[in-house]
Amino acid sequence: MASLMNKVMQFANSPKGKQVIRQATDKAQQLAKDPKTRAKFDKVANSPKGRQVIRQATDKAQQLASDPKTLAKIQDVRRRVQGGRGGSGTGSGTSA
């Protein structure tokens, strides 16, 4: 599993990976601003099944957020994305 994660991180940090991520982000923002897409989302989210799915996803996210193993994995990915820099991430990002 670690080697797959390494490959994903290498791709994400490559010029082609950055281009793909940028294109996907642009497309997602375009869809998010589209009134038709928003109407579809609202219709599904406000249905009984949609509310149930949202509630289940929220419960699962809260459960994972309190799991020490999940937190360690998130910190590991954050370190990899940031180029291996250590630290708690609470600094201002500038040096005095």
C-alpha atoms as a PDB file:
ATOM      1  CA  MET A   1       0.000   0.000   0.000  1.00  0.00           C
ATOM      2  CA  ALA A   2       2.866   2.367   0.763  1.00  0.00           C
ATOM      3  CA  SER A   3       4.335   1.928  -2.709  1.00  0.00           C
ATOM      4  CA  LEU A   4       0.988   2.813  -4.282  1.00  0.00           C
ATOM      5  CA  MET A   5       0.843   5.932  -2.137  1.00  0.00           C
ATOM      6  CA  ASN A   6       4.391   6.829  -3.188  1.00  0.00           C
ATOM      7  CA  LYS A   7       3.424   6.482  -6.848  1.00  0.00           C
ATOM      8  CA  VAL A   8       0.347   8.646  -6.345  1.00  0.00           C
ATOM      9  CA  MET A   9       2.410  11.312  -4.591  1.00  0.00           C
ATOM     10  CA  GLN A  10       5.094  11.221  -7.294  1.00  0.00           C
ATOM     11  CA  PHE A  11       2.444  11.690  -9.963  1.00  0.00           C
ATOM     12  CA  ALA A  12       0.721  14.485  -8.026  1.00  0.00           C
ATOM     13  CA  ASN A  13       4.026  16.334  -7.702  1.00  0.00           C
ATOM     14  CA  SER A  14       4.989  15.851 -11.369  1.00  0.00           C
ATOM     15  CA  PRO A  15       4.244  18.536 -13.987  1.00  0.00           C
ATOM     16  CA  LYS A  16       1.659  16.267 -15.655  1.00  0.00           C
ATOM     17  CA  GLY A  17       0.047  15.466 -12.297  1.00  0.00           C
ATOM     18  CA  LYS A  18      -0.174  19.129 -11.385  1.00  0.00           C
ATOM     19  CA  GLN A  19      -1.782  19.831 -14.763  1.00  0.00           C
ATOM     20  CA  VAL A  20      -4.359  17.054 -14.264  1.00  0.00           C
ATOM     21  CA  ILE A  21      -5.156  18.276 -10.755  1.00  0.00           C
ATOM     22  CA  ARG A  22      -5.503  21.856 -11.997  1.00  0.00           C
ATOM     23  CA  GLN A  23      -7.851  20.754 -14.810  1.00  0.00           C
ATOM     24  CA  ALA A  24      -9.977  18.692 -12.417  1.00  0.00           C
ATOM     25  CA  THR A  25     -10.149  21.591  -9.973  1.00  0.00           C
ATOM     26  CA  ASP A  26     -11.194  24.006 -12.710  1.00  0.00           C
ATOM     27  CA  LYS A  27     -13.899  21.606 -13.930  1.00  0.00           C
ATOM     28  CA  ALA A  28     -15.188  21.043 -10.382  1.00  0.00           C
ATOM     29  CA  GLN A  29     -15.404  24.792  -9.785  1.00  0.00           C
ATOM     30  CA  GLN A  30     -17.194  25.259 -13.094  1.00  0.00           C
ATOM     31  CA  LEU A  31     -19.746  22.578 -12.184  1.00  0.00           C
ATOM     32  CA  ALA A  32     -20.188  24.007  -8.693  1.00  0.00           C
ATOM     33  CA  LYS A  33     -21.121  27.394 -10.161  1.00  0.00           C
ATOM     34  CA  ASP A  34     -23.591  25.932 -12.676  1.00  0.00           C
ATOM     35  CA  PRO A  35     -27.207  26.584 -11.568  1.00  0.00           C
ATOM     36  CA  LYS A  36     -28.427  23.307 -13.108  1.00  0.00           C
ATOM     37  CA  THR A  37     -25.833  21.290 -11.199  1.00  0.00           C
ATOM     38  CA  ARG A  38     -26.700  23.128  -7.977  1.00  0.00           C
ATOM     39  CA  ALA A  39     -30.403  22.418  -8.500  1.00  0.00           C
ATOM     40  CA  LYS A  40     -29.694  18.698  -8.995  1.00  0.00           C
ATOM     41  CA  PHE A  41     -27.551  18.625  -5.871  1.00  0.00           C
ATOM     42  CA  ASP A  42     -30.197  20.417  -3.802  1.00  0.00           C
ATOM     43  CA  LYS A  43     -32.902  18.046  -5.034  1.00  0.00           C
ATOM     44  CA  VAL A  44     -30.897  14.967  -4.037  1.00  0.00           C
ATOM     45  CA  ALA A  45     -29.568  16.438  -0.784  1.00  0.00           C
ATOM     46  CA  ASN A  46     -33.052  17.412   0.381  1.00  0.00           C
ATOM     47  CA  SER A  47     -34.636  14.046  -0.385  1.00  0.00           C
ATOM     48  CA  PRO A  48     -35.029  11.561   2.483  1.00  0.00           C
ATOM     49  CA  LYS A  49     -32.429   9.245   0.947  1.00  0.00           C
ATOM     50  CA  GLY A  50     -30.046  12.162   0.375  1.00  0.00           C
ATOM     51  CA  ARG A  51     -30.356  13.304   3.983  1.00  0.00           C
ATOM     52  CA  GLN A  52     -29.700   9.738   5.147  1.00  0.00           C
ATOM     53  CA  VAL A  53     -26.563   9.461   2.993  1.00  0.00           C
ATOM     54  CA  ILE A  54     -25.288  12.842   4.210  1.00  0.00           C
ATOM     55  CA  ARG A  55     -25.938  11.849   7.835  1.00  0.00           C
ATOM     56  CA  GLN A  56     -24.094   8.536   7.366  1.00  0.00           C
ATOM     57  CA  ALA A  57     -21.146  10.249   5.691  1.00  0.00           C
ATOM     58  CA  THR A  58     -20.983  12.839   8.466  1.00  0.00           C
ATOM     59  CA  ASP A  59     -21.050  10.145  11.149  1.00  0.00           C
ATOM     60  CA  LYS A  60     -18.304   8.177   9.388  1.00  0.00           C
ATOM     61  CA  ALA A  61     -16.148  11.291   8.934  1.00  0.00           C
ATOM     62  CA  GLN A  62     -16.462  12.126  12.630  1.00  0.00           C
ATOM     63  CA  GLN A  63     -15.599   8.546  13.553  1.00  0.00           C
ATOM     64  CA  LEU A  64     -12.506   8.577  11.328  1.00  0.00           C
ATOM     65  CA  ALA A  65     -11.446  12.008  12.556  1.00  0.00           C
ATOM     66  CA  SER A  66     -11.221  10.698  16.108  1.00  0.00           C
ATOM     67  CA  ASP A  67      -9.270   7.541  15.162  1.00  0.00           C
ATOM     68  CA  PRO A  68      -5.525   7.800  15.994  1.00  0.00           C
ATOM     69  CA  LYS A  69      -4.556   5.566  13.038  1.00  0.00           C
ATOM     70  CA  THR A  70      -6.449   7.791  10.616  1.00  0.00           C
ATOM     71  CA  LEU A  71      -4.875  10.907  12.099  1.00  0.00           C
ATOM     72  CA  ALA A  72      -1.410   9.373  11.685  1.00  0.00           C
ATOM     73  CA  LYS A  73      -2.159   8.551   8.033  1.00  0.00           C
ATOM     74  CA  ILE A  74      -3.379  12.093   7.393  1.00  0.00           C
ATOM     75  CA  GLN A  75      -0.239  13.546   8.957  1.00  0.00           C
ATOM     76  CA  ASP A  76       1.907  11.214   6.830  1.00  0.00           C
ATOM     77  CA  VAL A  77       0.162  12.296   3.620  1.00  0.00           C
ATOM     78  CA  ARG A  78       0.415  15.951   4.644  1.00  0.00           C
ATOM     79  CA  ARG A  79       4.176  15.539   5.174  1.00  0.00           C
ATOM     80  CA  ARG A  80       4.565  13.879   1.782  1.00  0.00           C
ATOM     81  CA  VAL A  81       2.576  16.564  -0.012  1.00  0.00           C
ATOM     82  CA  GLN A  82       4.567  19.288   1.689  1.00  0.00           C
ATOM     83  CA  GLY A  83       7.811  17.747   0.492  1.00  0.00           C
ATOM     84  CA  GLY A  84       8.790  15.856   3.616  1.00  0.00           C
ATOM     85  CA  ARG A  85       8.976  18.838   5.930  1.00  0.00           C
ATOM     86  CA  GLY A  86       8.337  17.895   9.518  1.00  0.00           C
ATOM     87  CA  GLY A  87       6.716  19.823  12.281  1.00  0.00           C
ATOM     88  CA  SER A  88       3.218  20.262  13.569  1.00  0.00           C
ATOM     89  CA  GLY A  89       2.082  22.608  10.827  1.00  0.00           C
ATOM     90  CA  THR A  90       1.006  25.270  13.296  1.00  0.00           C
ATOM     91  CA  GLY A  91       3.624  27.840  12.306  1.00  0.00           C
ATOM     92  CA  SER A  92       3.011  30.933  10.229  1.00  0.00           C
ATOM     93  CA  GLY A  93       5.024  29.644   7.292  1.00  0.00           C
ATOM     94  CA  THR A  94       7.440  32.573   7.360  1.00  0.00           C
ATOM     95  CA  SER A  95      10.759  32.927   9.086  1.00  0.00           C
ATOM     96  CA  ALA A  96      11.638  36.029  11.056  1.00  0.00           C
END
